[in-house]
Amino acid sequence: MKHKVFLTGASGFVGSAIMHRLVADGTPVVAAVRQADVVQSPMVRSVLFQSFEQDNDWDGALAECDVVVHSAARVHVMND
């Protein structure tokens, strides 16, 4: 049986490569995304989170997963 993977940053450069590889290997993915309909695959269930800074209820999304891959990052922010 394949482990189900919880993946952050699935719409980013690194995260999308990880997601595509997992799906190609037949691994089901729960993808934490900030925008709906970013990920299009029957092997991927998207969970919408607006921010990692807010208090989110991760219990439901993580309950079904065996592994967490955290690839979300704050990039390309030049003036903060």
PDB file of N, CA and C in Angstrom:
ATOM      1  N   MET A   1       0.831  -1.178   0.000  1.00  0.00           N
ATOM      2  CA  MET A   1       0.000   0.000   0.000  1.00  0.00           C
ATOM      3  C   MET A   1       0.880   1.248   0.000  1.00  0.00           C
ATOM      4  N   LYS A   2       0.518   2.196  -0.823  1.00  0.00           N
ATOM      5  CA  LYS A   2       1.246   3.462  -0.890  1.00  0.00           C
ATOM      6  C   LYS A   2       0.850   4.347   0.285  1.00  0.00           C
ATOM      7  N   HIS A   3       1.808   5.080   0.798  1.00  0.00           N
ATOM      8  CA  HIS A   3       1.534   6.065   1.835  1.00  0.00           C
ATOM      9  C   HIS A   3       0.902   7.288   1.197  1.00  0.00           C
ATOM     10  N   LYS A   4      -0.021   7.924   1.911  1.00  0.00           N
ATOM     11  CA  LYS A   4      -0.601   9.174   1.427  1.00  0.00           C
ATOM     12  C   LYS A   4       0.269  10.313   1.952  1.00  0.00           C
ATOM     13  N   VAL A   5       0.608  11.250   1.058  1.00  0.00           N
ATOM     14  CA  VAL A   5       1.534  12.334   1.374  1.00  0.00           C
ATOM     15  C   VAL A   5       0.786  13.660   1.461  1.00  0.00           C
ATOM     16  N   PHE A   6       1.032  14.403   2.528  1.00  0.00           N
ATOM     17  CA  PHE A   6       0.544  15.772   2.662  1.00  0.00           C
ATOM     18  C   PHE A   6       1.648  16.683   2.159  1.00  0.00           C
ATOM     19  N   LEU A   7       1.357  17.491   1.143  1.00  0.00           N
ATOM     20  CA  LEU A   7       2.374  18.311   0.488  1.00  0.00           C
ATOM     21  C   LEU A   7       2.011  19.781   0.561  1.00  0.00           C
ATOM     22  N   THR A   8       2.905  20.582   1.134  1.00  0.00           N
ATOM     23  CA  THR A   8       2.732  22.033   1.091  1.00  0.00           C
ATOM     24  C   THR A   8       3.523  22.567  -0.103  1.00  0.00           C
ATOM     25  N   GLY A   9       3.101  23.694  -0.626  1.00  0.00           N
ATOM     26  CA  GLY A   9       3.814  24.307  -1.744  1.00  0.00           C
ATOM     27  C   GLY A   9       3.615  23.582  -3.058  1.00  0.00           C
ATOM     28  N   ALA A  10       2.508  22.882  -3.204  1.00  0.00           N
ATOM     29  CA  ALA A  10       2.278  22.059  -4.393  1.00  0.00           C
ATOM     30  C   ALA A  10       2.184  22.863  -5.690  1.00  0.00           C
ATOM     31  N   SER A  11       1.880  24.145  -5.592  1.00  0.00           N
ATOM     32  CA  SER A  11       1.784  24.962  -6.808  1.00  0.00           C
ATOM     33  C   SER A  11       3.082  25.679  -7.131  1.00  0.00           C
ATOM     34  N   GLY A  12       4.085  25.547  -6.286  1.00  0.00           N
ATOM     35  CA  GLY A  12       5.368  26.202  -6.520  1.00  0.00           C
ATOM     36  C   GLY A  12       6.281  25.381  -7.406  1.00  0.00           C
ATOM     37  N   PHE A  13       7.452  25.906  -7.671  1.00  0.00           N
ATOM     38  CA  PHE A  13       8.418  25.255  -8.561  1.00  0.00           C
ATOM     39  C   PHE A  13       8.851  23.890  -8.033  1.00  0.00           C
ATOM     40  N   VAL A  14       9.340  23.854  -6.813  1.00  0.00           N
ATOM     41  CA  VAL A  14       9.805  22.596  -6.223  1.00  0.00           C
ATOM     42  C   VAL A  14       8.628  21.685  -5.886  1.00  0.00           C
ATOM     43  N   GLY A  15       7.604  22.258  -5.246  1.00  0.00           N
ATOM     44  CA  GLY A  15       6.447  21.462  -4.841  1.00  0.00           C
ATOM     45  C   GLY A  15       5.725  20.810  -5.999  1.00  0.00           C
ATOM     46  N   SER A  16       5.599  21.515  -7.119  1.00  0.00           N
ATOM     47  CA  SER A  16       4.912  20.916  -8.271  1.00  0.00           C
ATOM     48  C   SER A  16       5.721  19.759  -8.856  1.00  0.00           C
ATOM     49  N   ALA A  17       7.031  19.873  -8.831  1.00  0.00           N
ATOM     50  CA  ALA A  17       7.866  18.756  -9.308  1.00  0.00           C
ATOM     51  C   ALA A  17       7.718  17.552  -8.383  1.00  0.00           C
ATOM     52  N   ILE A  18       7.696  17.795  -7.085  1.00  0.00           N
ATOM     53  CA  ILE A  18       7.494  16.700  -6.128  1.00  0.00           C
ATOM     54  C   ILE A  18       6.127  16.065  -6.344  1.00  0.00           C
ATOM     55  N   MET A  19       5.095  16.898  -6.492  1.00  0.00           N
ATOM     56  CA  MET A  19       3.750  16.381  -6.674  1.00  0.00           C
ATOM     57  C   MET A  19       3.626  15.536  -7.932  1.00  0.00           C
ATOM     58  N   HIS A  20       4.181  16.020  -9.033  1.00  0.00           N
ATOM     59  CA  HIS A  20       4.100  15.269 -10.284  1.00  0.00           C
ATOM     60  C   HIS A  20       4.821  13.929 -10.169  1.00  0.00           C
ATOM     61  N   ARG A  21       5.934  13.905  -9.471  1.00  0.00           N
ATOM     62  CA  ARG A  21       6.671  12.656  -9.277  1.00  0.00           C
ATOM     63  C   ARG A  21       5.880  11.670  -8.416  1.00  0.00           C
ATOM     64  N   LEU A  22       5.294  12.176  -7.329  1.00  0.00           N
ATOM     65  CA  LEU A  22       4.491  11.312  -6.462  1.00  0.00           C
ATOM     66  C   LEU A  22       3.312  10.722  -7.227  1.00  0.00           C
ATOM     67  N   VAL A  23       2.613  11.556  -7.985  1.00  0.00           N
ATOM     68  CA  VAL A  23       1.466  11.091  -8.767  1.00  0.00           C
ATOM     69  C   VAL A  23       1.910  10.079  -9.821  1.00  0.00           C
ATOM     70  N   ALA A  24       3.034  10.332 -10.470  1.00  0.00           N
ATOM     71  CA  ALA A  24       3.553   9.394 -11.477  1.00  0.00           C
ATOM     72  C   ALA A  24       3.878   8.042 -10.851  1.00  0.00           C
ATOM     73  N   ASP A  25       4.279   8.053  -9.588  1.00  0.00           N
ATOM     74  CA  ASP A  25       4.585   6.806  -8.874  1.00  0.00           C
ATOM     75  C   ASP A  25       3.339   6.163  -8.273  1.00  0.00           C
ATOM     76  N   GLY A  26       2.180   6.792  -8.446  1.00  0.00           N
ATOM     77  CA  GLY A  26       0.942   6.243  -7.929  1.00  0.00           C
ATOM     78  C   GLY A  26       0.678   6.556  -6.465  1.00  0.00           C
ATOM     79  N   THR A  27       1.343   7.570  -5.947  1.00  0.00           N
ATOM     80  CA  THR A  27       1.182   7.951  -4.551  1.00  0.00           C
ATOM     81  C   THR A  27       0.082   8.996  -4.424  1.00  0.00           C
ATOM     82  N   PRO A  28      -0.933   8.748  -3.594  1.00  0.00           N
ATOM     83  CA  PRO A  28      -1.969   9.766  -3.390  1.00  0.00           C
ATOM     84  C   PRO A  28      -1.420  10.949  -2.601  1.00  0.00           C
ATOM     85  N   VAL A  29      -1.880  12.141  -2.949  1.00  0.00           N
ATOM     86  CA  VAL A  29      -1.367  13.376  -2.359  1.00  0.00           C
ATOM     87  C   VAL A  29      -2.524  14.229  -1.845  1.00  0.00           C
ATOM     88  N   VAL A  30      -2.339  14.801  -0.672  1.00  0.00           N
ATOM     89  CA  VAL A  30      -3.204  15.865  -0.177  1.00  0.00           C
ATOM     90  C   VAL A  30      -2.363  17.131  -0.277  1.00  0.00           C
ATOM     91  N   ALA A  31      -2.785  18.060  -1.112  1.00  0.00           N
ATOM     92  CA  ALA A  31      -1.992  19.253  -1.402  1.00  0.00           C
ATOM     93  C   ALA A  31      -2.575  20.467  -0.691  1.00  0.00           C
ATOM     94  N   ALA A  32      -1.758  21.116   0.137  1.00  0.00           N
ATOM     95  CA  ALA A  32      -2.153  22.366   0.774  1.00  0.00           C
ATOM     96  C   ALA A  32      -1.868  23.491  -0.212  1.00  0.00           C
ATOM     97  N   VAL A  33      -2.921  24.172  -0.644  1.00  0.00           N
ATOM     98  CA  VAL A  33      -2.780  25.230  -1.641  1.00  0.00           C
ATOM     99  C   VAL A  33      -3.488  26.490  -1.167  1.00  0.00           C
ATOM    100  N   ARG A  34      -3.097  27.637  -1.722  1.00  0.00           N
ATOM    101  CA  ARG A  34      -3.734  28.916  -1.384  1.00  0.00           C
ATOM    102  C   ARG A  34      -4.831  29.295  -2.362  1.00  0.00           C
ATOM    103  N   GLN A  35      -4.850  28.680  -3.540  1.00  0.00           N
ATOM    104  CA  GLN A  35      -5.867  28.975  -4.547  1.00  0.00           C
ATOM    105  C   GLN A  35      -6.524  27.678  -4.989  1.00  0.00           C
ATOM    106  N   ALA A  36      -7.837  27.713  -5.114  1.00  0.00           N
ATOM    107  CA  ALA A  36      -8.584  26.540  -5.556  1.00  0.00           C
ATOM    108  C   ALA A  36      -8.243  26.219  -7.010  1.00  0.00           C
ATOM    109  N   ASP A  37      -8.375  24.979  -7.371  1.00  0.00           N
ATOM    110  CA  ASP A  37      -8.185  24.495  -8.745  1.00  0.00           C
ATOM    111  C   ASP A  37      -6.777  24.678  -9.270  1.00  0.00           C
ATOM    112  N   VAL A  38      -5.783  24.717  -8.403  1.00  0.00           N
ATOM    113  CA  VAL A  38      -4.394  24.811  -8.836  1.00  0.00           C
ATOM    114  C   VAL A  38      -3.910  23.450  -9.313  1.00  0.00           C
ATOM    115  N   VAL A  39      -4.359  22.416  -8.636  1.00  0.00           N
ATOM    116  CA  VAL A  39      -3.894  21.060  -8.917  1.00  0.00           C
ATOM    117  C   VAL A  39      -5.017  20.278  -9.577  1.00  0.00           C
ATOM    118  N   GLN A  40      -4.729  19.691 -10.724  1.00  0.00           N
ATOM    119  CA  GLN A  40      -5.720  18.936 -11.473  1.00  0.00           C
ATOM    120  C   GLN A  40      -5.262  17.498 -11.638  1.00  0.00           C
ATOM    121  N   SER A  41      -5.688  16.631 -10.737  1.00  0.00           N
ATOM    122  CA  SER A  41      -5.342  15.217 -10.850  1.00  0.00           C
ATOM    123  C   SER A  41      -6.273  14.413  -9.948  1.00  0.00           C
ATOM    124  N   PRO A  42      -6.730  13.263 -10.417  1.00  0.00           N
ATOM    125  CA  PRO A  42      -7.572  12.427  -9.559  1.00  0.00           C
ATOM    126  C   PRO A  42      -6.807  11.836  -8.375  1.00  0.00           C
ATOM    127  N   MET A  43      -5.484  11.858  -8.431  1.00  0.00           N
ATOM    128  CA  MET A  43      -4.662  11.341  -7.338  1.00  0.00           C
ATOM    129  C   MET A  43      -4.406  12.399  -6.265  1.00  0.00           C
ATOM    130  N   VAL A  44      -4.858  13.637  -6.522  1.00  0.00           N
ATOM    131  CA  VAL A  44      -4.556  14.747  -5.616  1.00  0.00           C
ATOM    132  C   VAL A  44      -5.851  15.346  -5.081  1.00  0.00           C
ATOM    133  N   ARG A  45      -5.899  15.483  -3.776  1.00  0.00           N
ATOM    134  CA  ARG A  45      -7.007  16.206  -3.140  1.00  0.00           C
ATOM    135  C   ARG A  45      -6.424  17.507  -2.611  1.00  0.00           C
ATOM    136  N   SER A  46      -6.960  18.622  -3.094  1.00  0.00           N
ATOM    137  CA  SER A  46      -6.477  19.932  -2.663  1.00  0.00           C
ATOM    138  C   SER A  46      -7.219  20.376  -1.409  1.00  0.00           C
ATOM    139  N   VAL A  47      -6.468  20.943  -0.476  1.00  0.00           N
ATOM    140  CA  VAL A  47      -7.031  21.524   0.734  1.00  0.00           C
ATOM    141  C   VAL A  47      -6.630  22.989   0.734  1.00  0.00           C
ATOM    142  N   LEU A  48      -7.597  23.859   0.816  1.00  0.00           N
ATOM    143  CA  LEU A  48      -7.354  25.299   0.702  1.00  0.00           C
ATOM    144  C   LEU A  48      -6.979  25.900   2.050  1.00  0.00           C
ATOM    145  N   PHE A  49      -5.794  26.503   2.105  1.00  0.00           N
ATOM    146  CA  PHE A  49      -5.323  27.254   3.266  1.00  0.00           C
ATOM    147  C   PHE A  49      -4.867  28.612   2.765  1.00  0.00           C
ATOM    148  N   GLN A  50      -5.393  29.674   3.341  1.00  0.00           N
ATOM    149  CA  GLN A  50      -5.039  31.012   2.884  1.00  0.00           C
ATOM    150  C   GLN A  50      -3.608  31.396   3.255  1.00  0.00           C
ATOM    151  N   SER A  51      -3.139  30.925   4.400  1.00  0.00           N
ATOM    152  CA  SER A  51      -1.823  31.316   4.862  1.00  0.00           C
ATOM    153  C   SER A  51      -1.318  30.310   5.881  1.00  0.00           C
ATOM    154  N   PHE A  52      -0.027  30.189   5.974  1.00  0.00           N
ATOM    155  CA  PHE A  52       0.553  29.355   7.013  1.00  0.00           C
ATOM    156  C   PHE A  52       0.779  30.158   8.282  1.00  0.00           C
ATOM    157  N   GLU A  53       0.553  31.461   8.228  1.00  0.00           N
ATOM    158  CA  GLU A  53       0.731  32.325   9.385  1.00  0.00           C
ATOM    159  C   GLU A  53      -0.501  32.329  10.279  1.00  0.00           C
ATOM    160  N   GLN A  54      -1.650  32.040   9.726  1.00  0.00           N
ATOM    161  CA  GLN A  54      -2.889  32.042  10.488  1.00  0.00           C
ATOM    162  C   GLN A  54      -3.041  30.726  11.240  1.00  0.00           C
ATOM    163  N   ASP A  55      -3.914  30.751  12.223  1.00  0.00           N
ATOM    164  CA  ASP A  55      -4.246  29.510  12.925  1.00  0.00           C
ATOM    165  C   ASP A  55      -5.169  28.700  12.028  1.00  0.00           C
ATOM    166  N   ASN A  56      -4.664  27.618  11.506  1.00  0.00           N
ATOM    167  CA  ASN A  56      -5.438  26.742  10.642  1.00  0.00           C
ATOM    168  C   ASN A  56      -5.736  25.449  11.384  1.00  0.00           C
ATOM    169  N   ASP A  57      -6.830  24.825  11.002  1.00  0.00           N
ATOM    170  CA  ASP A  57      -7.168  23.520  11.546  1.00  0.00           C
ATOM    171  C   ASP A  57      -6.595  22.466  10.601  1.00  0.00           C
ATOM    172  N   TRP A  58      -5.435  21.943  10.957  1.00  0.00           N
ATOM    173  CA  TRP A  58      -4.732  20.976  10.122  1.00  0.00           C
ATOM    174  C   TRP A  58      -5.190  19.544  10.370  1.00  0.00           C
ATOM    175  N   ASP A  59      -5.936  19.328  11.453  1.00  0.00           N
ATOM    176  CA  ASP A  59      -6.285  17.967  11.859  1.00  0.00           C
ATOM    177  C   ASP A  59      -6.956  17.149  10.760  1.00  0.00           C
ATOM    178  N   GLY A  60      -7.951  17.732  10.119  1.00  0.00           N
ATOM    179  CA  GLY A  60      -8.684  16.996   9.087  1.00  0.00           C
ATOM    180  C   GLY A  60      -7.816  16.613   7.903  1.00  0.00           C
ATOM    181  N   ALA A  61      -6.993  17.530   7.460  1.00  0.00           N
ATOM    182  CA  ALA A  61      -6.135  17.274   6.298  1.00  0.00           C
ATOM    183  C   ALA A  61      -5.029  16.282   6.615  1.00  0.00           C
ATOM    184  N   LEU A  62      -4.492  16.365   7.823  1.00  0.00           N
ATOM    185  CA  LEU A  62      -3.368  15.493   8.187  1.00  0.00           C
ATOM    186  C   LEU A  62      -3.797  14.114   8.676  1.00  0.00           C
ATOM    187  N   ALA A  63      -5.045  13.974   9.095  1.00  0.00           N
ATOM    188  CA  ALA A  63      -5.512  12.713   9.687  1.00  0.00           C
ATOM    189  C   ALA A  63      -5.351  11.528   8.743  1.00  0.00           C
ATOM    190  N   GLU A  64      -5.514  11.752   7.472  1.00  0.00           N
ATOM    191  CA  GLU A  64      -5.454  10.655   6.512  1.00  0.00           C
ATOM    192  C   GLU A  64      -4.060  10.448   5.910  1.00  0.00           C
ATOM    193  N   CYS A  65      -3.089  11.246   6.322  1.00  0.00           N
ATOM    194  CA  CYS A  65      -1.753  11.200   5.718  1.00  0.00           C
ATOM    195  C   CYS A  65      -0.742  10.484   6.612  1.00  0.00           C
ATOM    196  N   ASP A  66       0.237   9.877   5.957  1.00  0.00           N
ATOM    197  CA  ASP A  66       1.307   9.167   6.653  1.00  0.00           C
ATOM    198  C   ASP A  66       2.606   9.966   6.661  1.00  0.00           C
ATOM    199  N   VAL A  67       2.764  10.860   5.680  1.00  0.00           N
ATOM    200  CA  VAL A  67       4.014  11.586   5.481  1.00  0.00           C
ATOM    201  C   VAL A  67       3.695  13.047   5.175  1.00  0.00           C
ATOM    202  N   VAL A  68       4.532  13.959   5.687  1.00  0.00           N
ATOM    203  CA  VAL A  68       4.412  15.382   5.358  1.00  0.00           C
ATOM    204  C   VAL A  68       5.673  15.812   4.629  1.00  0.00           C
ATOM    205  N   VAL A  69       5.474  16.460   3.467  1.00  0.00           N
ATOM    206  CA  VAL A  69       6.585  17.060   2.731  1.00  0.00           C
ATOM    207  C   VAL A  69       6.299  18.556   2.680  1.00  0.00           C
ATOM    208  N   HIS A  70       7.146  19.336   3.333  1.00  0.00           N
ATOM    209  CA  HIS A  70       6.943  20.781   3.410  1.00  0.00           C
ATOM    210  C   HIS A  70       7.857  21.470   2.393  1.00  0.00           C
ATOM    211  N   SER A  71       7.253  21.914   1.278  1.00  0.00           N
ATOM    212  CA  SER A  71       8.035  22.581   0.240  1.00  0.00           C
ATOM    213  C   SER A  71       7.563  24.013   0.017  1.00  0.00           C
ATOM    214  N   ALA A  72       6.657  24.491   0.865  1.00  0.00           N
ATOM    215  CA  ALA A  72       6.201  25.881   0.739  1.00  0.00           C
ATOM    216  C   ALA A  72       7.307  26.820   1.204  1.00  0.00           C
ATOM    217  N   ALA A  73       7.439  27.915   0.500  1.00  0.00           N
ATOM    218  CA  ALA A  73       8.449  28.905   0.857  1.00  0.00           C
ATOM    219  C   ALA A  73       7.978  30.286   0.421  1.00  0.00           C
ATOM    220  N   ARG A  74       8.457  31.253   1.080  1.00  0.00           N
ATOM    221  CA  ARG A  74       8.171  32.634   0.699  1.00  0.00           C
ATOM    222  C   ARG A  74       9.320  33.109  -0.167  1.00  0.00           C
ATOM    223  N   VAL A  75       9.052  33.267  -1.443  1.00  0.00           N
ATOM    224  CA  VAL A  75      10.112  33.656  -2.375  1.00  0.00           C
ATOM    225  C   VAL A  75       9.672  34.854  -3.213  1.00  0.00           C
ATOM    226  N   HIS A  76      10.621  35.466  -3.844  1.00  0.00           N
ATOM    227  CA  HIS A  76      10.384  36.594  -4.753  1.00  0.00           C
ATOM    228  C   HIS A  76       9.709  37.759  -4.059  1.00  0.00           C
ATOM    229  N   VAL A  77       9.966  37.960  -2.777  1.00  0.00           N
ATOM    230  CA  VAL A  77       9.464  39.109  -2.044  1.00  0.00           C
ATOM    231  C   VAL A  77      10.657  40.040  -1.860  1.00  0.00           C
ATOM    232  N   MET A  78      10.694  41.114  -2.637  1.00  0.00           N
ATOM    233  CA  MET A  78      11.848  41.984  -2.644  1.00  0.00           C
ATOM    234  C   MET A  78      11.750  43.124  -1.630  1.00  0.00           C
ATOM    235  N   ASN A  79      10.542  43.638  -1.431  1.00  0.00           N
ATOM    236  CA  ASN A  79      10.362  44.788  -0.543  1.00  0.00           C
ATOM    237  C   ASN A  79       9.352  44.460   0.537  1.00  0.00           C
ATOM    238  N   ASP A  80       9.860  44.079   1.692  1.00  0.00           N
ATOM    239  CA  ASP A  80       8.940  43.739   2.786  1.00  0.00           C
ATOM    240  C   ASP A  80       9.373  44.451   4.045  1.00  0.00           C
TER     241      ASP A  80
END
